[in-house]
Protein backbone atom coordinates (compact mmCIF):
# COMPACT_ATOMS: atom_id res chain seq x y z
CA UNK A 1 -10.44 -31.65 -19.77
CA UNK A 2 -12.98 -28.86 -20.01
CA UNK A 3 -13.33 -27.24 -16.65
CA UNK A 4 -16.38 -25.41 -15.39
CA UNK A 5 -16.33 -22.81 -12.65
CA UNK A 6 -17.44 -25.53 -10.23
CA UNK A 7 -14.92 -28.35 -10.68
CA UNK A 8 -14.19 -30.70 -7.80
CA UNK A 9 -10.50 -30.95 -7.00
CA UNK A 10 -10.52 -34.71 -7.57
CA UNK A 11 -10.95 -34.01 -11.29
CA UNK A 12 -7.82 -31.87 -11.31
CA UNK A 13 -5.52 -34.19 -9.34
CA UNK A 14 -4.78 -36.31 -12.40
CA UNK A 15 -3.57 -33.21 -14.28
CA UNK A 16 -1.48 -32.28 -11.25
CA UNK A 17 0.13 -35.73 -11.13
CA UNK A 18 0.79 -35.74 -14.87
CA UNK A 19 2.28 -32.25 -15.04
CA UNK A 20 5.91 -32.84 -15.93
CA UNK A 21 6.78 -29.21 -15.42
CA UNK A 22 5.35 -29.05 -11.88
CA UNK A 23 8.10 -28.00 -9.48
CA UNK A 24 10.70 -28.14 -12.26
CA UNK A 25 10.32 -24.48 -13.18
CA UNK A 26 10.00 -23.11 -9.65
CA UNK A 27 12.38 -20.27 -8.93
CA UNK A 28 13.77 -19.98 -5.43
CA UNK A 29 14.21 -16.38 -4.31
CA UNK A 30 17.33 -16.94 -2.23
CA UNK A 31 15.83 -16.09 1.15
CA UNK A 32 15.64 -19.37 3.05
CA UNK A 33 12.60 -18.46 5.14
CA UNK A 34 10.57 -17.50 2.07
CA UNK A 35 11.78 -20.39 -0.05
CA UNK A 36 10.91 -22.84 2.75
CA UNK A 37 7.42 -21.35 3.04
CA UNK A 38 6.44 -21.09 -0.65
CA UNK A 39 8.88 -23.54 -2.27
CA UNK A 40 9.64 -21.05 -5.05
CA UNK A 41 7.71 -19.10 -7.66
CA UNK A 42 6.03 -20.42 -10.77
CA UNK A 43 6.79 -18.49 -13.99
CA UNK A 44 4.46 -15.50 -14.13
CA UNK A 45 3.55 -15.66 -10.46
CA UNK A 46 3.26 -12.43 -8.50
CA UNK A 47 3.89 -11.80 -4.82
CA UNK A 48 2.97 -8.59 -3.04
CA UNK A 49 4.87 -7.44 0.05
CA UNK A 50 2.84 -5.17 2.26
CA UNK A 51 3.70 -3.50 5.53
CA UNK A 52 4.26 -0.29 7.38
CA UNK A 53 7.36 1.81 6.65
CA UNK A 54 10.51 0.52 8.29
CA UNK A 55 9.53 -3.16 8.46
CA UNK A 56 12.20 -4.28 6.00
CA UNK A 57 10.41 -4.62 2.66
CA UNK A 58 13.21 -2.83 0.80
CA UNK A 59 15.90 -4.82 2.62
CA UNK A 60 14.15 -8.08 1.78
CA UNK A 61 13.78 -7.06 -1.85
CA UNK A 62 17.46 -6.09 -2.09
CA UNK A 63 18.35 -9.47 -0.58
CA UNK A 64 16.32 -11.24 -3.27
CA UNK A 65 17.75 -9.12 -6.11
CA UNK A 66 21.25 -9.86 -4.81
CA UNK A 67 20.64 -13.60 -4.61
CA UNK A 68 18.98 -13.85 -8.00
CA UNK A 69 21.18 -11.50 -10.03
CA UNK A 70 24.58 -11.35 -8.39
CA UNK A 71 24.86 -14.87 -7.01
CA UNK A 72 22.86 -16.85 -9.58
CA UNK A 73 23.10 -14.57 -12.65
CA UNK A 74 19.33 -14.56 -13.24
CA UNK A 75 18.34 -11.40 -15.15
CA UNK A 76 16.28 -9.24 -12.79
CA UNK A 77 14.47 -5.93 -13.26
CA UNK A 78 14.01 -3.60 -10.30
CA UNK A 79 11.45 -0.86 -10.96
CA UNK A 80 11.10 1.88 -8.41
CA UNK A 81 8.96 5.00 -8.33
CA UNK A 82 10.43 6.30 -5.09
CA UNK A 83 14.20 5.91 -4.95
CA UNK A 84 16.99 7.02 -7.26
CA UNK A 85 19.27 4.39 -8.83
CA UNK A 86 22.12 5.55 -6.58
CA UNK A 87 20.05 4.62 -3.51
CA UNK A 88 19.35 1.13 -4.84
CA UNK A 89 23.00 0.60 -5.79
CA UNK A 90 24.16 1.78 -2.37
CA UNK A 91 21.78 -0.67 -0.70
CA UNK A 92 23.07 -3.52 -2.90
CA UNK A 93 26.68 -2.63 -2.12
CA UNK A 94 25.99 -2.31 1.60
CA UNK A 95 24.21 -5.66 1.66
CA UNK A 96 27.12 -7.52 0.03
CA UNK A 97 30.02 -5.66 1.62
CA UNK A 98 31.68 -7.25 4.65
CA UNK A 99 34.22 -4.44 5.21
CA UNK A 100 35.18 -1.04 3.81
CA UNK A 101 38.13 -2.65 2.00
CA UNK A 102 35.78 -5.01 0.21
CA UNK A 103 33.76 -2.30 -1.58
CA UNK A 104 35.66 -2.40 -4.89
CA UNK A 105 35.16 -6.17 -5.25
CA UNK A 106 31.49 -5.85 -4.40
CA UNK A 107 31.02 -3.07 -6.96
CA UNK A 108 32.62 -5.30 -9.61
CA UNK A 109 30.30 -8.20 -8.72
CA UNK A 110 27.24 -5.97 -8.97
CA UNK A 111 28.48 -4.36 -12.20
CA UNK A 112 28.75 -7.79 -13.81
CA UNK A 113 25.33 -8.96 -12.58
CA UNK A 114 22.29 -8.95 -14.88
CA UNK A 115 20.44 -6.29 -12.88
CA UNK A 116 18.31 -3.74 -14.72
CA UNK A 117 17.05 -0.66 -12.92
CA UNK A 118 14.14 1.46 -14.02
CA UNK A 119 13.13 4.48 -12.00
CA UNK A 120 10.33 6.88 -12.75
CA UNK A 121 8.16 9.08 -10.58
CA UNK A 122 5.07 8.69 -12.73
CA UNK A 123 4.04 5.30 -14.08
CA UNK A 124 0.70 3.70 -14.71
CA UNK A 125 0.06 -0.01 -15.11
CA UNK A 126 0.46 0.17 -18.90
CA UNK A 127 3.88 1.79 -18.43
CA UNK A 128 4.93 -0.95 -16.02
CA UNK A 129 3.73 -3.64 -18.41
CA UNK A 130 5.58 -2.09 -21.37
CA UNK A 131 8.84 -1.69 -19.45
CA UNK A 132 8.61 -5.28 -18.20
CA UNK A 133 7.86 -6.64 -21.66
CA UNK A 134 10.77 -4.69 -23.17
CA UNK A 135 13.24 -6.05 -20.61
CA UNK A 136 11.93 -9.59 -20.95
CA UNK A 137 12.30 -9.47 -24.73
CA UNK A 138 15.60 -7.57 -24.95
CA UNK A 139 17.42 -8.67 -21.80
CA UNK A 140 15.88 -12.03 -20.92
CA UNK A 141 14.61 -10.76 -17.58
CA UNK A 142 13.08 -13.56 -15.49
CA UNK A 143 12.10 -11.70 -12.30
CA UNK A 144 10.61 -8.23 -11.87
CA UNK A 145 10.37 -6.26 -8.64
CA UNK A 146 8.08 -3.23 -8.60
CA UNK A 147 8.80 -1.11 -5.56
CA UNK A 148 6.17 1.26 -4.15
CA UNK A 149 3.32 0.29 -6.41
CA UNK A 150 0.84 2.07 -4.15
CA UNK A 151 2.19 5.44 -5.26
CA UNK A 152 1.05 4.75 -8.80
CA UNK A 153 -2.26 6.44 -9.43
């Protein structure tokens, strides 16, 4: 069907009903409240988390990286222009760890997870695109988190 800019939804419902891939490729993020609200992400979909400092954006992101990569073994790229890799690793370890004695097991789980970190203090959108493309092609990355995009000028 050729679609104009002014297409009534009734003309698109048939395509919706016939789409065999609808809902089959949705990726749950592993945070029940988000997954209940959005029912998962379509391939290529982008979500932006916005909020004041201290509201939990980093904690939520770490929770999603943990669920996707460590629990479900889905290759995930975490790009950050603000924090060092050691900070991100510490947050992942702290999130998974239930006691001080458990740290070694948690570190092993994270080490074996398909998590890729990329940190840089100066990136433009072309840089982000190229890093993402490289990790998708070479590592099979399925989910990308870009932390502190607003710093990028």
